[in-house]
Amino acid sequence: MTDLTSPLHLPGWTHTYSGKVRDLYVPEDGNDSVLLVVASNRVSAFDHVLEPPIPGKGALLTSLSNWWFAQLDRPNHLIAPAAGIPEVPAEVADRAMLSRRLEMYPIECVVRGALTGSGYAEYARTGAVCGIELPEGIVDGDLLDTPIYTPAYKAPLGEHDENITFERSVELVGEDVATALRDAALEIFTFARARAAERGVVLADTKFEFGRDPQTGELVLADEVLTSDSSRYWDAAAYENEALPRAERLASFDKQIVRNWLAANWDRTGEPPVLPENIVAQTRARYQELSDRLTTGA
């Protein structure tokens, strides 16, 4: 299988890390205060990077992140081009973010405005999510009257993230930081949910990442934000149509099409199969539709 994580050679930049879907670079001159974050077109599911990539996916996610950053009245990691910083190469300009380096907190700040996925599975077993007790009778996909903050510990590379309680997050980063992370995540989610609703979209849940600026000490929103890869969005009209099957009501604007196809065509042993052209095209269309609806109201 092709090594889809092989980084590009970008003039002026040195590759330092590749995740499943993003590549990080630093200036060749050793400036350690700047990062170039490049979103690839790679798509992953069930802990595997799949073939082929989704055309234009990196640009769509980057554009949507940048749009949300512009809507939010909050410090973020983006910086403008400046003297002493290498130019962003044209070949990745539409899917790259020029960023200040931060001291990242090891907490994924997950906010749930609806109960589904792993959150619903935990609720079904225990009646709670990340230590938060919830009322009886919640059905998969139900909206919550008040969004809940359910953090996760960002595990070391190669290990799975771990859902934790707020109290555990206090142990990891201290009470002041843990509280600031929770409050910021809930505030951003509340704003974004209202903005998405104006576009006929339900923001069901999302995750944020924050870091500390080593120069100023301020809390900074980082990484991607409110994209199809970090958030679960539903079409509001479909969600509210109770005559539709649950799968259609909760069809998300993300790579769920890929997951569904893999679940039906792969037993999760060995290498995953190559994605068919129609699955790639349908997935790309879902990413595009969400971006269009949020950013233009189309």
C-alpha atoms as a PDB file:
ATOM      1  CA  MET A   1       0.000   0.000   0.000  1.00  0.00           C
ATOM      2  CA  THR A   2       1.224   3.512  -0.780  1.00  0.00           C
ATOM      3  CA  ASP A   3       2.685   5.467   2.142  1.00  0.00           C
ATOM      4  CA  LEU A   4       0.163   8.289   2.237  1.00  0.00           C
ATOM      5  CA  THR A   5       1.883   9.998   5.164  1.00  0.00           C
ATOM      6  CA  SER A   6       5.097  10.764   3.250  1.00  0.00           C
ATOM      7  CA  PRO A   7       5.586  14.519   3.726  1.00  0.00           C
ATOM      8  CA  LEU A   8       6.133  16.995   0.938  1.00  0.00           C
ATOM      9  CA  HIS A   9       9.417  18.835   0.607  1.00  0.00           C
ATOM     10  CA  LEU A  10       8.522  22.490   1.112  1.00  0.00           C
ATOM     11  CA  PRO A  11      11.178  25.130   0.389  1.00  0.00           C
ATOM     12  CA  GLY A  12      12.129  27.052   3.515  1.00  0.00           C
ATOM     13  CA  TRP A  13      10.485  24.520   5.821  1.00  0.00           C
ATOM     14  CA  THR A  14      11.578  21.346   7.626  1.00  0.00           C
ATOM     15  CA  HIS A  15       9.105  18.548   8.235  1.00  0.00           C
ATOM     16  CA  THR A  16       8.849  17.548  11.914  1.00  0.00           C
ATOM     17  CA  TYR A  17       5.741  15.390  12.296  1.00  0.00           C
ATOM     18  CA  SER A  18       2.953  13.658  10.382  1.00  0.00           C
ATOM     19  CA  GLY A  19      -0.306  12.582  11.955  1.00  0.00           C
ATOM     20  CA  LYS A  20      -3.047  10.683  10.222  1.00  0.00           C
ATOM     21  CA  VAL A  21      -4.311  13.758   8.409  1.00  0.00           C
ATOM     22  CA  ARG A  22      -1.945  16.690   9.129  1.00  0.00           C
ATOM     23  CA  ASP A  23       1.743  17.448   8.644  1.00  0.00           C
ATOM     24  CA  LEU A  24       3.791  19.920  10.693  1.00  0.00           C
ATOM     25  CA  TYR A  25       6.765  21.964   9.513  1.00  0.00           C
ATOM     26  CA  VAL A  26       9.139  24.464  11.137  1.00  0.00           C
ATOM     27  CA  PRO A  27      11.315  27.098   9.435  1.00  0.00           C
ATOM     28  CA  GLU A  28      14.628  25.760   8.161  1.00  0.00           C
ATOM     29  CA  ASP A  29      16.455  28.585   9.934  1.00  0.00           C
ATOM     30  CA  GLY A  30      15.564  27.118  13.331  1.00  0.00           C
ATOM     31  CA  ASN A  31      12.921  29.674  14.334  1.00  0.00           C
ATOM     32  CA  ASP A  32      11.058  27.668  16.964  1.00  0.00           C
ATOM     33  CA  SER A  33       8.211  30.129  17.492  1.00  0.00           C
ATOM     34  CA  VAL A  34       6.434  29.343  14.209  1.00  0.00           C
ATOM     35  CA  LEU A  35       4.731  26.284  12.748  1.00  0.00           C
ATOM     36  CA  LEU A  36       3.244  25.490   9.365  1.00  0.00           C
ATOM     37  CA  VAL A  37       0.274  23.165   9.797  1.00  0.00           C
ATOM     38  CA  VAL A  38      -0.674  21.459   6.532  1.00  0.00           C
ATOM     39  CA  ALA A  39      -3.974  19.602   6.265  1.00  0.00           C
ATOM     40  CA  SER A  40      -3.673  16.669   3.882  1.00  0.00           C
ATOM     41  CA  ASN A  41      -6.372  15.029   1.796  1.00  0.00           C
ATOM     42  CA  ARG A  42      -5.839  11.797   3.699  1.00  0.00           C
ATOM     43  CA  VAL A  43      -8.840  10.135   5.292  1.00  0.00           C
ATOM     44  CA  SER A  44      -8.639   7.764   8.236  1.00  0.00           C
ATOM     45  CA  ALA A  45     -11.071   5.363   9.860  1.00  0.00           C
ATOM     46  CA  PHE A  46     -10.714   2.601  12.427  1.00  0.00           C
ATOM     47  CA  ASP A  47      -7.101   3.671  13.083  1.00  0.00           C
ATOM     48  CA  HIS A  48      -6.043   3.270   9.441  1.00  0.00           C
ATOM     49  CA  VAL A  49      -5.137   5.810   6.780  1.00  0.00           C
ATOM     50  CA  LEU A  50      -7.116   4.835   3.697  1.00  0.00           C
ATOM     51  CA  GLU A  51      -6.635   4.956  -0.036  1.00  0.00           C
ATOM     52  CA  PRO A  52      -7.381   6.961  -2.050  1.00  0.00           C
ATOM     53  CA  PRO A  53      -7.404  10.390  -0.347  1.00  0.00           C
ATOM     54  CA  ILE A  54     -10.439  12.674  -0.608  1.00  0.00           C
ATOM     55  CA  PRO A  55      -9.712  15.342  -3.264  1.00  0.00           C
ATOM     56  CA  GLY A  56      -9.815  18.857  -1.833  1.00  0.00           C
ATOM     57  CA  LYS A  57     -10.501  17.712   1.720  1.00  0.00           C
ATOM     58  CA  GLY A  58      -7.524  19.533   3.238  1.00  0.00           C
ATOM     59  CA  ALA A  59      -8.462  22.825   1.601  1.00  0.00           C
ATOM     60  CA  LEU A  60     -12.116  22.508   2.645  1.00  0.00           C
ATOM     61  CA  LEU A  61     -11.242  21.845   6.291  1.00  0.00           C
ATOM     62  CA  THR A  62      -8.674  24.639   6.388  1.00  0.00           C
ATOM     63  CA  SER A  63     -11.082  27.115   4.821  1.00  0.00           C
ATOM     64  CA  LEU A  64     -13.827  26.176   7.285  1.00  0.00           C
ATOM     65  CA  SER A  65     -11.463  26.476  10.265  1.00  0.00           C
ATOM     66  CA  ASN A  66     -10.337  29.899   9.096  1.00  0.00           C
ATOM     67  CA  TRP A  67     -13.958  30.995   8.670  1.00  0.00           C
ATOM     68  CA  TRP A  68     -14.820  29.937  12.209  1.00  0.00           C
ATOM     69  CA  PHE A  69     -11.686  31.558  13.644  1.00  0.00           C
ATOM     70  CA  ALA A  70     -12.871  34.816  12.060  1.00  0.00           C
ATOM     71  CA  GLN A  71     -16.300  34.466  13.706  1.00  0.00           C
ATOM     72  CA  LEU A  72     -14.946  33.855  17.195  1.00  0.00           C
ATOM     73  CA  ASP A  73     -13.875  36.689  19.452  1.00  0.00           C
ATOM     74  CA  ARG A  74     -11.070  34.687  20.996  1.00  0.00           C
ATOM     75  CA  PRO A  75      -7.263  34.456  20.616  1.00  0.00           C
ATOM     76  CA  ASN A  76      -6.233  31.762  18.150  1.00  0.00           C
ATOM     77  CA  HIS A  77      -3.012  30.292  16.838  1.00  0.00           C
ATOM     78  CA  LEU A  78      -3.034  31.924  13.401  1.00  0.00           C
ATOM     79  CA  ILE A  79      -0.371  34.489  12.547  1.00  0.00           C
ATOM     80  CA  ALA A  80       0.119  36.705   9.510  1.00  0.00           C
ATOM     81  CA  PRO A  81       3.094  36.388   7.153  1.00  0.00           C
ATOM     82  CA  ALA A  82       5.960  38.573   8.319  1.00  0.00           C
ATOM     83  CA  ALA A  83       9.608  39.293   7.734  1.00  0.00           C
ATOM     84  CA  GLY A  84      11.783  36.444   8.947  1.00  0.00           C
ATOM     85  CA  ILE A  85       9.125  33.803   8.342  1.00  0.00           C
ATOM     86  CA  PRO A  86       9.431  31.653   5.181  1.00  0.00           C
ATOM     87  CA  GLU A  87       6.682  32.065   2.613  1.00  0.00           C
ATOM     88  CA  VAL A  88       3.923  29.494   2.581  1.00  0.00           C
ATOM     89  CA  PRO A  89       4.604  27.450  -0.578  1.00  0.00           C
ATOM     90  CA  ALA A  90       1.946  27.877  -3.256  1.00  0.00           C
ATOM     91  CA  GLU A  91       1.393  24.127  -3.557  1.00  0.00           C
ATOM     92  CA  VAL A  92      -0.072  23.974  -0.028  1.00  0.00           C
ATOM     93  CA  ALA A  93      -1.305  27.551   0.421  1.00  0.00           C
ATOM     94  CA  ASP A  94      -5.004  26.603   0.345  1.00  0.00           C
ATOM     95  CA  ARG A  95      -4.595  23.950   3.036  1.00  0.00           C
ATOM     96  CA  ALA A  96      -1.948  25.400   5.321  1.00  0.00           C
ATOM     97  CA  MET A  97      -2.154  27.475   8.483  1.00  0.00           C
ATOM     98  CA  LEU A  98       0.742  29.660   9.588  1.00  0.00           C
ATOM     99  CA  SER A  99       0.684  29.325  13.355  1.00  0.00           C
ATOM    100  CA  ARG A 100       2.457  30.448  16.474  1.00  0.00           C
ATOM    101  CA  ARG A 101       3.954  27.642  18.533  1.00  0.00           C
ATOM    102  CA  LEU A 102       2.065  26.993  21.745  1.00  0.00           C
ATOM    103  CA  GLU A 103       2.465  24.866  24.828  1.00  0.00           C
ATOM    104  CA  MET A 104      -0.467  22.554  24.119  1.00  0.00           C
ATOM    105  CA  TYR A 105      -2.604  21.255  26.945  1.00  0.00           C
ATOM    106  CA  PRO A 106      -3.079  17.460  26.985  1.00  0.00           C
ATOM    107  CA  ILE A 107      -6.865  17.825  27.073  1.00  0.00           C
ATOM    108  CA  GLU A 108      -9.334  17.447  24.234  1.00  0.00           C
ATOM    109  CA  CYS A 109     -12.147  19.781  25.189  1.00  0.00           C
ATOM    110  CA  VAL A 110     -15.232  17.880  24.047  1.00  0.00           C
ATOM    111  CA  VAL A 111     -18.649  19.525  24.228  1.00  0.00           C
ATOM    112  CA  ARG A 112     -21.840  17.584  23.557  1.00  0.00           C
ATOM    113  CA  GLY A 113     -25.095  19.289  22.663  1.00  0.00           C
ATOM    114  CA  ALA A 114     -26.638  15.948  21.796  1.00  0.00           C
ATOM    115  CA  LEU A 115     -26.058  12.438  23.050  1.00  0.00           C
ATOM    116  CA  THR A 116     -24.848  10.000  20.415  1.00  0.00           C
ATOM    117  CA  GLY A 117     -21.764   7.989  19.511  1.00  0.00           C
ATOM    118  CA  SER A 118     -19.422   7.037  22.334  1.00  0.00           C
ATOM    119  CA  GLY A 119     -21.186   9.456  24.693  1.00  0.00           C
ATOM    120  CA  TYR A 120     -24.494   7.694  24.243  1.00  0.00           C
ATOM    121  CA  ALA A 121     -22.826   4.291  24.607  1.00  0.00           C
ATOM    122  CA  GLU A 122     -21.362   5.352  27.954  1.00  0.00           C
ATOM    123  CA  TYR A 123     -24.703   6.790  29.060  1.00  0.00           C
ATOM    124  CA  ALA A 124     -26.485   3.558  28.114  1.00  0.00           C
ATOM    125  CA  ARG A 125     -24.059   1.591  30.306  1.00  0.00           C
ATOM    126  CA  THR A 126     -23.798   3.912  33.282  1.00  0.00           C
ATOM    127  CA  GLY A 127     -26.407   6.675  33.114  1.00  0.00           C
ATOM    128  CA  ALA A 128     -23.587   9.227  32.969  1.00  0.00           C
ATOM    129  CA  VAL A 129     -20.950  10.651  30.598  1.00  0.00           C
ATOM    130  CA  CYS A 130     -17.498  11.467  31.970  1.00  0.00           C
ATOM    131  CA  GLY A 131     -18.951  11.497  35.480  1.00  0.00           C
ATOM    132  CA  ILE A 132     -21.902  13.751  34.600  1.00  0.00           C
ATOM    133  CA  GLU A 133     -25.170  12.118  35.661  1.00  0.00           C
ATOM    134  CA  LEU A 134     -27.951  12.529  33.098  1.00  0.00           C
ATOM    135  CA  PRO A 135     -31.723  11.981  33.265  1.00  0.00           C
ATOM    136  CA  GLU A 136     -33.196   8.594  32.419  1.00  0.00           C
ATOM    137  CA  GLY A 137     -34.870   7.963  29.081  1.00  0.00           C
ATOM    138  CA  ILE A 138     -32.501   9.754  26.733  1.00  0.00           C
ATOM    139  CA  VAL A 139     -32.570   8.217  23.257  1.00  0.00           C
ATOM    140  CA  ASP A 140     -29.614   8.087  20.881  1.00  0.00           C
ATOM    141  CA  GLY A 141     -29.492  11.442  19.079  1.00  0.00           C
ATOM    142  CA  ASP A 142     -31.534  13.413  21.612  1.00  0.00           C
ATOM    143  CA  LEU A 143     -30.541  17.040  22.083  1.00  0.00           C
ATOM    144  CA  LEU A 144     -29.536  18.023  25.605  1.00  0.00           C
ATOM    145  CA  ASP A 145     -31.212  20.987  27.286  1.00  0.00           C
ATOM    146  CA  THR A 146     -27.772  22.210  28.362  1.00  0.00           C
ATOM    147  CA  PRO A 147     -24.533  21.222  26.572  1.00  0.00           C
ATOM    148  CA  ILE A 148     -22.147  19.153  28.672  1.00  0.00           C
ATOM    149  CA  TYR A 149     -18.354  19.313  28.836  1.00  0.00           C
ATOM    150  CA  THR A 150     -16.794  15.856  28.601  1.00  0.00           C
ATOM    151  CA  PRO A 151     -13.002  16.177  28.331  1.00  0.00           C
ATOM    152  CA  ALA A 152     -10.607  13.544  27.076  1.00  0.00           C
ATOM    153  CA  TYR A 153      -6.955  12.984  27.864  1.00  0.00           C
ATOM    154  CA  LYS A 154      -4.795  13.183  24.740  1.00  0.00           C
ATOM    155  CA  ALA A 155      -2.885   9.926  24.946  1.00  0.00           C
ATOM    156  CA  PRO A 156       0.707   9.559  23.718  1.00  0.00           C
ATOM    157  CA  LEU A 157       1.218   8.742  20.051  1.00  0.00           C
ATOM    158  CA  GLY A 158      -0.050   5.258  19.224  1.00  0.00           C
ATOM    159  CA  GLU A 159      -2.431   5.049  22.161  1.00  0.00           C
ATOM    160  CA  HIS A 160      -6.147   5.824  22.339  1.00  0.00           C
ATOM    161  CA  ASP A 161      -7.461   8.998  23.938  1.00  0.00           C
ATOM    162  CA  GLU A 162      -9.210   8.451  27.259  1.00  0.00           C
ATOM    163  CA  ASN A 163     -12.477  10.063  28.336  1.00  0.00           C
ATOM    164  CA  ILE A 164     -11.988  11.637  31.757  1.00  0.00           C
ATOM    165  CA  THR A 165     -13.938  13.559  34.364  1.00  0.00           C
ATOM    166  CA  PHE A 166     -13.512  17.264  34.948  1.00  0.00           C
ATOM    167  CA  GLU A 167     -11.911  16.386  38.288  1.00  0.00           C
ATOM    168  CA  ARG A 168      -9.293  14.316  36.476  1.00  0.00           C
ATOM    169  CA  SER A 169      -8.569  17.257  34.149  1.00  0.00           C
ATOM    170  CA  VAL A 170      -7.931  19.371  37.259  1.00  0.00           C
ATOM    171  CA  GLU A 171      -5.341  16.819  38.360  1.00  0.00           C
ATOM    172  CA  LEU A 172      -3.664  17.017  34.945  1.00  0.00           C
ATOM    173  CA  VAL A 173      -3.495  20.774  34.386  1.00  0.00           C
ATOM    174  CA  GLY A 174      -4.578  22.455  37.623  1.00  0.00           C
ATOM    175  CA  GLU A 175      -7.925  23.916  38.641  1.00  0.00           C
ATOM    176  CA  ASP A 176      -7.485  27.353  37.060  1.00  0.00           C
ATOM    177  CA  VAL A 177      -6.514  25.981  33.633  1.00  0.00           C
ATOM    178  CA  ALA A 178      -9.102  23.185  33.735  1.00  0.00           C
ATOM    179  CA  THR A 179     -11.832  25.693  34.528  1.00  0.00           C
ATOM    180  CA  ALA A 180     -10.671  28.073  31.810  1.00  0.00           C
ATOM    181  CA  LEU A 181     -10.653  25.247  29.248  1.00  0.00           C
ATOM    182  CA  ARG A 182     -14.155  24.144  30.209  1.00  0.00           C
ATOM    183  CA  ASP A 183     -15.603  27.647  30.198  1.00  0.00           C
ATOM    184  CA  ALA A 184     -14.014  28.563  26.867  1.00  0.00           C
ATOM    185  CA  ALA A 185     -15.173  25.341  25.208  1.00  0.00           C
ATOM    186  CA  LEU A 186     -18.760  25.760  26.389  1.00  0.00           C
ATOM    187  CA  GLU A 187     -18.840  29.418  25.359  1.00  0.00           C
ATOM    188  CA  ILE A 188     -17.525  28.699  21.858  1.00  0.00           C
ATOM    189  CA  PHE A 189     -19.886  25.756  21.400  1.00  0.00           C
ATOM    190  CA  THR A 190     -22.912  27.803  22.447  1.00  0.00           C
ATOM    191  CA  PHE A 191     -22.028  30.526  19.948  1.00  0.00           C
ATOM    192  CA  ALA A 192     -21.276  28.066  17.135  1.00  0.00           C
ATOM    193  CA  ARG A 193     -24.442  26.045  17.725  1.00  0.00           C
ATOM    194  CA  ALA A 194     -26.557  29.191  17.326  1.00  0.00           C
ATOM    195  CA  ARG A 195     -24.667  30.240  14.183  1.00  0.00           C
ATOM    196  CA  ALA A 196     -25.050  26.756  12.653  1.00  0.00           C
ATOM    197  CA  ALA A 197     -28.774  26.759  13.452  1.00  0.00           C
ATOM    198  CA  GLU A 198     -29.149  29.929  11.386  1.00  0.00           C
ATOM    199  CA  ARG A 199     -27.848  27.880   8.432  1.00  0.00           C
ATOM    200  CA  GLY A 200     -30.229  24.959   9.015  1.00  0.00           C
ATOM    201  CA  VAL A 201     -27.542  22.795  10.605  1.00  0.00           C
ATOM    202  CA  VAL A 202     -27.474  21.107  14.024  1.00  0.00           C
ATOM    203  CA  LEU A 203     -24.097  21.154  15.789  1.00  0.00           C
ATOM    204  CA  ALA A 204     -24.359  17.960  17.833  1.00  0.00           C
ATOM    205  CA  ASP A 205     -20.876  17.835  19.364  1.00  0.00           C
ATOM    206  CA  THR A 206     -17.326  18.984  18.807  1.00  0.00           C
ATOM    207  CA  LYS A 207     -13.852  19.013  20.298  1.00  0.00           C
ATOM    208  CA  PHE A 208     -11.477  21.918  20.793  1.00  0.00           C
ATOM    209  CA  GLU A 209      -7.781  22.073  21.558  1.00  0.00           C
ATOM    210  CA  PHE A 210      -6.083  24.906  23.399  1.00  0.00           C
ATOM    211  CA  GLY A 211      -2.551  25.897  24.194  1.00  0.00           C
ATOM    212  CA  ARG A 212      -0.689  28.439  26.280  1.00  0.00           C
ATOM    213  CA  ASP A 213       1.251  31.192  24.553  1.00  0.00           C
ATOM    214  CA  PRO A 214       4.705  30.961  26.165  1.00  0.00           C
ATOM    215  CA  GLN A 215       5.272  34.694  25.688  1.00  0.00           C
ATOM    216  CA  THR A 216       2.000  36.056  27.072  1.00  0.00           C
ATOM    217  CA  GLY A 217       0.549  33.158  29.054  1.00  0.00           C
ATOM    218  CA  GLU A 218      -2.843  33.602  27.383  1.00  0.00           C
ATOM    219  CA  LEU A 219      -5.169  30.733  26.545  1.00  0.00           C
ATOM    220  CA  VAL A 220      -5.183  30.225  22.765  1.00  0.00           C
ATOM    221  CA  LEU A 221      -7.579  28.248  20.574  1.00  0.00           C
ATOM    222  CA  ALA A 222      -5.539  26.027  18.255  1.00  0.00           C
ATOM    223  CA  ASP A 223      -5.576  23.247  15.703  1.00  0.00           C
ATOM    224  CA  GLU A 224      -8.681  22.902  13.507  1.00  0.00           C
ATOM    225  CA  VAL A 225     -11.961  24.226  14.845  1.00  0.00           C
ATOM    226  CA  LEU A 226     -15.572  23.217  14.182  1.00  0.00           C
ATOM    227  CA  THR A 227     -14.755  21.263  11.019  1.00  0.00           C
ATOM    228  CA  SER A 228     -16.291  18.059   9.702  1.00  0.00           C
ATOM    229  CA  ASP A 229     -13.360  16.119  11.179  1.00  0.00           C
ATOM    230  CA  SER A 230     -13.628  17.611  14.668  1.00  0.00           C
ATOM    231  CA  SER A 231     -17.406  18.019  14.911  1.00  0.00           C
ATOM    232  CA  ARG A 232     -20.660  16.212  14.284  1.00  0.00           C
ATOM    233  CA  TYR A 233     -23.206  18.195  12.265  1.00  0.00           C
ATOM    234  CA  TRP A 234     -26.699  17.113  11.178  1.00  0.00           C
ATOM    235  CA  ASP A 235     -29.100  18.596   8.663  1.00  0.00           C
ATOM    236  CA  ALA A 236     -31.760  20.323  10.782  1.00  0.00           C
ATOM    237  CA  ALA A 237     -34.679  19.579   8.438  1.00  0.00           C
ATOM    238  CA  ALA A 238     -33.843  15.870   8.334  1.00  0.00           C
ATOM    239  CA  TYR A 239     -33.210  15.730  12.077  1.00  0.00           C
ATOM    240  CA  GLU A 240     -36.605  17.247  12.856  1.00  0.00           C
ATOM    241  CA  ASN A 241     -38.435  14.881  10.470  1.00  0.00           C
ATOM    242  CA  GLU A 242     -39.363  12.029  12.802  1.00  0.00           C
ATOM    243  CA  ALA A 243     -40.857  10.065   9.896  1.00  0.00           C
ATOM    244  CA  LEU A 244     -37.357   9.421   8.562  1.00  0.00           C
ATOM    245  CA  PRO A 245     -35.281   6.426   9.688  1.00  0.00           C
ATOM    246  CA  ARG A 246     -32.845   7.233  12.475  1.00  0.00           C
ATOM    247  CA  ALA A 247     -29.843   6.724  10.164  1.00  0.00           C
ATOM    248  CA  GLU A 248     -31.124   9.453   7.836  1.00  0.00           C
ATOM    249  CA  ARG A 249     -32.031  11.849  10.650  1.00  0.00           C
ATOM    250  CA  LEU A 250     -28.534  11.523  12.127  1.00  0.00           C
ATOM    251  CA  ALA A 251     -26.564  11.425   8.873  1.00  0.00           C
ATOM    252  CA  SER A 252     -23.554  13.601   9.616  1.00  0.00           C
ATOM    253  CA  PHE A 253     -21.582  15.909   7.319  1.00  0.00           C
ATOM    254  CA  ASP A 254     -18.344  13.974   7.614  1.00  0.00           C
ATOM    255  CA  LYS A 255     -16.655  10.693   6.738  1.00  0.00           C
ATOM    256  CA  GLN A 256     -19.457   8.522   8.156  1.00  0.00           C
ATOM    257  CA  ILE A 257     -20.047   7.315   4.586  1.00  0.00           C
ATOM    258  CA  VAL A 258     -16.512   5.892   4.658  1.00  0.00           C
ATOM    259  CA  ARG A 259     -17.008   4.246   8.044  1.00  0.00           C
ATOM    260  CA  ASN A 260     -20.280   2.686   6.945  1.00  0.00           C
ATOM    261  CA  TRP A 261     -18.749   1.278   3.760  1.00  0.00           C
ATOM    262  CA  LEU A 262     -15.757  -0.134   5.626  1.00  0.00           C
ATOM    263  CA  ALA A 263     -17.983  -1.699   8.280  1.00  0.00           C
ATOM    264  CA  ALA A 264     -19.916  -3.502   5.536  1.00  0.00           C
ATOM    265  CA  ASN A 265     -16.878  -4.529   3.467  1.00  0.00           C
ATOM    266  CA  TRP A 266     -13.988  -5.158   5.862  1.00  0.00           C
ATOM    267  CA  ASP A 267     -13.566  -7.340   8.952  1.00  0.00           C
ATOM    268  CA  ARG A 268     -10.823  -5.061  10.340  1.00  0.00           C
ATOM    269  CA  THR A 269      -8.080  -7.617   9.820  1.00  0.00           C
ATOM    270  CA  GLY A 270      -5.107  -6.899   7.599  1.00  0.00           C
ATOM    271  CA  GLU A 271      -5.000  -3.820   5.409  1.00  0.00           C
ATOM    272  CA  PRO A 272      -8.293  -2.058   4.660  1.00  0.00           C
ATOM    273  CA  PRO A 273      -9.642  -2.216   1.104  1.00  0.00           C
ATOM    274  CA  VAL A 274      -9.308   0.655  -1.351  1.00  0.00           C
ATOM    275  CA  LEU A 275     -12.311   2.979  -1.249  1.00  0.00           C
ATOM    276  CA  PRO A 276     -14.552   2.896  -4.355  1.00  0.00           C
ATOM    277  CA  GLU A 277     -14.790   6.042  -6.473  1.00  0.00           C
ATOM    278  CA  ASN A 278     -18.443   6.612  -5.556  1.00  0.00           C
ATOM    279  CA  ILE A 279     -17.673   6.511  -1.806  1.00  0.00           C
ATOM    280  CA  VAL A 280     -14.851   9.014  -2.281  1.00  0.00           C
ATOM    281  CA  ALA A 281     -17.119  11.309  -4.323  1.00  0.00           C
ATOM    282  CA  GLN A 282     -20.017  11.101  -1.844  1.00  0.00           C
ATOM    283  CA  THR A 283     -17.704  11.863   1.083  1.00  0.00           C
ATOM    284  CA  ARG A 284     -16.181  14.838  -0.693  1.00  0.00           C
ATOM    285  CA  ALA A 285     -19.674  16.138  -1.467  1.00  0.00           C
ATOM    286  CA  ARG A 286     -20.676  15.987   2.215  1.00  0.00           C
ATOM    287  CA  TYR A 287     -17.606  18.013   3.232  1.00  0.00           C
ATOM    288  CA  GLN A 288     -18.359  20.536   0.503  1.00  0.00           C
ATOM    289  CA  GLU A 289     -22.050  20.831   1.394  1.00  0.00           C
ATOM    290  CA  LEU A 290     -21.338  21.620   5.029  1.00  0.00           C
ATOM    291  CA  SER A 291     -18.745  24.238   4.120  1.00  0.00           C
ATOM    292  CA  ASP A 292     -21.111  25.891   1.654  1.00  0.00           C
ATOM    293  CA  ARG A 293     -24.045  25.911   4.043  1.00  0.00           C
ATOM    294  CA  LEU A 294     -22.104  27.340   6.970  1.00  0.00           C
ATOM    295  CA  THR A 295     -19.985  29.903   5.186  1.00  0.00           C
ATOM    296  CA  THR A 296     -22.387  31.107   2.501  1.00  0.00           C
ATOM    297  CA  GLY A 297     -25.795  29.951   3.696  1.00  0.00           C
ATOM    298  CA  ALA A 298     -26.182  27.993   0.446  1.00  0.00           C
END
